């Protein structure tokens, strides 16, 4: 299941996010958006957790939680093709 995470700290790195989401299940991949010129973390990313129940549990527990001093938004990513 694809998860969209918003309002991340610019200090957030892939390793921080992996530690956070791994508490809920096996993380297959994380894509962190970076500024083209600044190369700093943007405020959003995508996390993929294969097990739907684990992903839904992560969404329930992490949406509107505090992570690195920011209130993050965590929801199912809806991919429009």
N, C-alpha and C. Protein backbone atom coordinates (compact mmCIF):
# COMPACT_ATOMS: atom_id res chain seq x y z
N UNK A 1 0.85 -1.17 0.00
CA UNK A 1 0.00 0.00 0.00
C UNK A 1 0.89 1.24 0.00
N UNK A 2 0.54 2.21 -0.81
CA UNK A 2 1.28 3.46 -0.89
C UNK A 2 0.71 4.46 0.13
N UNK A 3 1.62 5.08 0.87
CA UNK A 3 1.25 6.03 1.92
C UNK A 3 1.88 7.37 1.57
N UNK A 4 1.10 8.44 1.67
CA UNK A 4 1.60 9.79 1.45
C UNK A 4 1.79 10.46 2.80
N UNK A 5 2.95 11.07 3.01
CA UNK A 5 3.25 11.76 4.27
C UNK A 5 3.52 13.22 3.94
N UNK A 6 2.82 14.12 4.63
CA UNK A 6 2.98 15.55 4.39
C UNK A 6 3.44 16.28 5.64
N UNK A 7 3.91 17.49 5.44
CA UNK A 7 4.35 18.40 6.50
C UNK A 7 5.57 17.89 7.26
N UNK A 8 6.49 17.26 6.54
CA UNK A 8 7.72 16.77 7.17
C UNK A 8 8.67 17.93 7.48
N UNK A 9 9.51 17.72 8.45
CA UNK A 9 10.60 18.64 8.74
C UNK A 9 11.61 18.56 7.60
N UNK A 10 12.24 19.68 7.28
CA UNK A 10 13.27 19.65 6.24
C UNK A 10 14.49 18.86 6.71
N UNK A 11 14.56 18.55 8.01
CA UNK A 11 15.66 17.75 8.55
C UNK A 11 15.41 16.25 8.44
N UNK A 12 14.21 15.87 8.02
CA UNK A 12 13.86 14.45 7.94
C UNK A 12 14.62 13.76 6.80
N UNK A 13 15.18 12.62 7.11
CA UNK A 13 15.89 11.82 6.12
C UNK A 13 15.21 10.46 6.00
N UNK A 14 15.56 9.75 4.96
CA UNK A 14 15.00 8.42 4.70
C UNK A 14 15.14 7.51 5.92
N UNK A 15 16.30 7.55 6.57
CA UNK A 15 16.54 6.68 7.72
C UNK A 15 15.59 7.00 8.88
N UNK A 16 15.30 8.28 9.09
CA UNK A 16 14.35 8.66 10.14
C UNK A 16 12.96 8.09 9.83
N UNK A 17 12.55 8.22 8.58
CA UNK A 17 11.24 7.75 8.17
C UNK A 17 11.15 6.23 8.23
N UNK A 18 12.21 5.56 7.84
CA UNK A 18 12.22 4.09 7.90
C UNK A 18 12.07 3.63 9.34
N UNK A 19 12.78 4.27 10.26
CA UNK A 19 12.66 3.91 11.68
C UNK A 19 11.23 4.12 12.17
N UNK A 20 10.62 5.22 11.77
CA UNK A 20 9.26 5.54 12.21
C UNK A 20 8.26 4.51 11.68
N UNK A 21 8.30 4.23 10.38
CA UNK A 21 7.29 3.35 9.77
C UNK A 21 7.57 1.87 10.01
N UNK A 22 8.80 1.51 10.27
CA UNK A 22 9.14 0.11 10.51
C UNK A 22 8.50 -0.43 11.79
N UNK A 23 8.09 0.45 12.67
CA UNK A 23 7.38 0.03 13.89
C UNK A 23 6.05 -0.64 13.55
N UNK A 24 5.54 -0.39 12.35
CA UNK A 24 4.22 -0.89 11.97
C UNK A 24 4.27 -2.03 10.96
N UNK A 25 5.42 -2.28 10.37
CA UNK A 25 5.52 -3.36 9.38
C UNK A 25 6.74 -3.18 8.51
N UNK A 26 6.91 -4.11 7.58
CA UNK A 26 8.08 -4.08 6.69
C UNK A 26 7.91 -2.99 5.64
N UNK A 27 8.84 -2.05 5.63
CA UNK A 27 8.83 -0.95 4.66
C UNK A 27 9.56 -1.41 3.41
N UNK A 28 8.85 -1.39 2.28
CA UNK A 28 9.48 -1.80 1.02
C UNK A 28 10.30 -0.67 0.42
N UNK A 29 9.76 0.55 0.44
CA UNK A 29 10.51 1.68 -0.11
C UNK A 29 10.01 3.00 0.45
N UNK A 30 10.88 3.99 0.36
CA UNK A 30 10.55 5.35 0.76
C UNK A 30 11.10 6.28 -0.32
N UNK A 31 10.26 7.19 -0.78
CA UNK A 31 10.70 8.19 -1.75
C UNK A 31 10.53 9.55 -1.09
N UNK A 32 11.64 10.19 -0.83
CA UNK A 32 11.63 11.52 -0.21
C UNK A 32 11.81 12.55 -1.32
N UNK A 33 10.93 13.53 -1.35
CA UNK A 33 11.00 14.59 -2.35
C UNK A 33 12.05 15.61 -1.91
N UNK A 34 12.94 15.98 -2.81
CA UNK A 34 13.99 16.96 -2.51
C UNK A 34 13.86 18.16 -3.45
N UNK A 35 14.22 19.32 -2.94
CA UNK A 35 14.22 20.52 -3.77
C UNK A 35 15.25 20.38 -4.89
N UNK A 36 14.90 20.80 -6.07
CA UNK A 36 15.79 20.66 -7.23
C UNK A 36 17.11 21.39 -7.03
N UNK A 37 17.05 22.63 -6.56
CA UNK A 37 18.27 23.42 -6.39
C UNK A 37 18.86 23.28 -5.00
N UNK A 38 18.02 23.26 -3.98
CA UNK A 38 18.53 23.23 -2.61
C UNK A 38 18.99 21.84 -2.17
N UNK A 39 18.43 20.80 -2.79
CA UNK A 39 18.70 19.41 -2.43
C UNK A 39 18.24 19.08 -1.01
N UNK A 40 17.49 19.98 -0.38
CA UNK A 40 16.95 19.74 0.95
C UNK A 40 15.64 18.97 0.82
N UNK A 41 15.31 18.26 1.88
CA UNK A 41 14.05 17.53 1.91
C UNK A 41 12.89 18.50 1.77
N UNK A 42 11.97 18.18 0.88
CA UNK A 42 10.74 18.93 0.78
C UNK A 42 9.89 18.50 1.98
N UNK A 43 8.66 18.86 2.01
CA UNK A 43 7.84 18.52 3.16
C UNK A 43 6.96 17.30 2.93
N UNK A 44 7.28 16.47 1.95
CA UNK A 44 6.45 15.29 1.71
C UNK A 44 7.28 14.10 1.22
N UNK A 45 6.67 12.92 1.37
CA UNK A 45 7.31 11.70 0.88
C UNK A 45 6.25 10.63 0.67
N UNK A 46 6.66 9.54 0.04
CA UNK A 46 5.82 8.36 -0.12
C UNK A 46 6.51 7.19 0.56
N UNK A 47 5.72 6.39 1.24
CA UNK A 47 6.22 5.18 1.91
C UNK A 47 5.39 4.01 1.38
N UNK A 48 6.05 2.90 1.08
CA UNK A 48 5.34 1.71 0.62
C UNK A 48 5.51 0.61 1.65
N UNK A 49 4.36 0.14 2.17
CA UNK A 49 4.30 -1.02 3.07
C UNK A 49 3.40 -2.02 2.38
N UNK A 50 3.93 -3.21 2.10
CA UNK A 50 3.17 -4.20 1.32
C UNK A 50 1.92 -4.72 2.02
N UNK A 51 2.01 -4.96 3.31
CA UNK A 51 0.89 -5.52 4.05
C UNK A 51 -0.14 -4.41 4.33
N UNK A 52 -1.32 -4.54 3.75
CA UNK A 52 -2.36 -3.50 3.86
C UNK A 52 -2.75 -3.22 5.31
N UNK A 53 -2.90 -4.27 6.11
CA UNK A 53 -3.29 -4.07 7.51
C UNK A 53 -2.22 -3.28 8.27
N UNK A 54 -0.94 -3.59 8.01
CA UNK A 54 0.15 -2.84 8.64
C UNK A 54 0.14 -1.38 8.20
N UNK A 55 -0.09 -1.15 6.92
CA UNK A 55 -0.11 0.21 6.38
C UNK A 55 -1.28 1.00 6.98
N UNK A 56 -2.45 0.39 7.07
CA UNK A 56 -3.60 1.06 7.65
C UNK A 56 -3.37 1.38 9.12
N UNK A 57 -2.69 0.47 9.83
CA UNK A 57 -2.35 0.71 11.23
C UNK A 57 -1.39 1.89 11.36
N UNK A 58 -0.41 1.97 10.47
CA UNK A 58 0.53 3.10 10.47
C UNK A 58 -0.21 4.41 10.23
N UNK A 59 -1.13 4.42 9.27
CA UNK A 59 -1.90 5.63 8.96
C UNK A 59 -2.71 6.05 10.18
N UNK A 60 -3.42 5.09 10.78
CA UNK A 60 -4.25 5.40 11.96
C UNK A 60 -3.42 5.99 13.10
N UNK A 61 -2.25 5.42 13.33
CA UNK A 61 -1.44 5.83 14.47
C UNK A 61 -0.57 7.06 14.22
N UNK A 62 -0.20 7.32 12.98
CA UNK A 62 0.73 8.40 12.71
C UNK A 62 0.10 9.68 12.17
N UNK A 63 -1.11 9.59 11.61
CA UNK A 63 -1.75 10.79 11.08
C UNK A 63 -1.98 11.79 12.22
N UNK A 64 -1.58 13.01 12.01
CA UNK A 64 -1.67 14.11 12.99
C UNK A 64 -0.79 13.88 14.22
N UNK A 65 0.27 13.09 14.08
CA UNK A 65 1.21 12.89 15.19
C UNK A 65 2.38 13.86 15.02
N UNK A 66 3.15 14.01 16.10
CA UNK A 66 4.32 14.87 16.08
C UNK A 66 5.54 14.03 15.70
N UNK A 67 6.25 14.48 14.65
CA UNK A 67 7.47 13.82 14.20
C UNK A 67 8.49 14.90 13.89
N UNK A 68 9.59 14.87 14.60
CA UNK A 68 10.65 15.86 14.44
C UNK A 68 10.09 17.29 14.59
N UNK A 69 9.28 17.46 15.62
CA UNK A 69 8.70 18.76 16.01
C UNK A 69 7.68 19.31 15.01
N UNK A 70 7.15 18.47 14.13
CA UNK A 70 6.13 18.89 13.17
C UNK A 70 4.95 17.93 13.26
N UNK A 71 3.75 18.46 13.09
CA UNK A 71 2.56 17.61 13.02
C UNK A 71 2.43 17.12 11.59
N UNK A 72 2.59 15.81 11.41
CA UNK A 72 2.58 15.25 10.06
C UNK A 72 1.19 14.75 9.67
N UNK A 73 0.94 14.74 8.38
CA UNK A 73 -0.26 14.15 7.83
C UNK A 73 0.12 12.83 7.17
N UNK A 74 -0.61 11.77 7.45
CA UNK A 74 -0.31 10.45 6.89
C UNK A 74 -1.62 9.89 6.33
N UNK A 75 -1.63 9.56 5.04
CA UNK A 75 -2.85 9.05 4.42
C UNK A 75 -2.49 8.08 3.30
N UNK A 76 -3.50 7.34 2.86
CA UNK A 76 -3.28 6.46 1.71
C UNK A 76 -3.04 7.32 0.48
N UNK A 77 -2.02 6.97 -0.27
CA UNK A 77 -1.72 7.71 -1.50
C UNK A 77 -2.63 7.19 -2.60
N UNK A 78 -3.33 8.09 -3.24
CA UNK A 78 -4.19 7.72 -4.35
C UNK A 78 -3.44 8.07 -5.62
N UNK A 79 -3.10 7.06 -6.39
CA UNK A 79 -2.34 7.26 -7.62
C UNK A 79 -3.31 7.37 -8.79
N UNK A 80 -3.26 8.50 -9.48
CA UNK A 80 -4.10 8.71 -10.64
C UNK A 80 -3.27 8.49 -11.89
N UNK A 81 -3.71 7.59 -12.71
CA UNK A 81 -2.96 7.31 -13.94
C UNK A 81 -3.68 7.83 -15.14
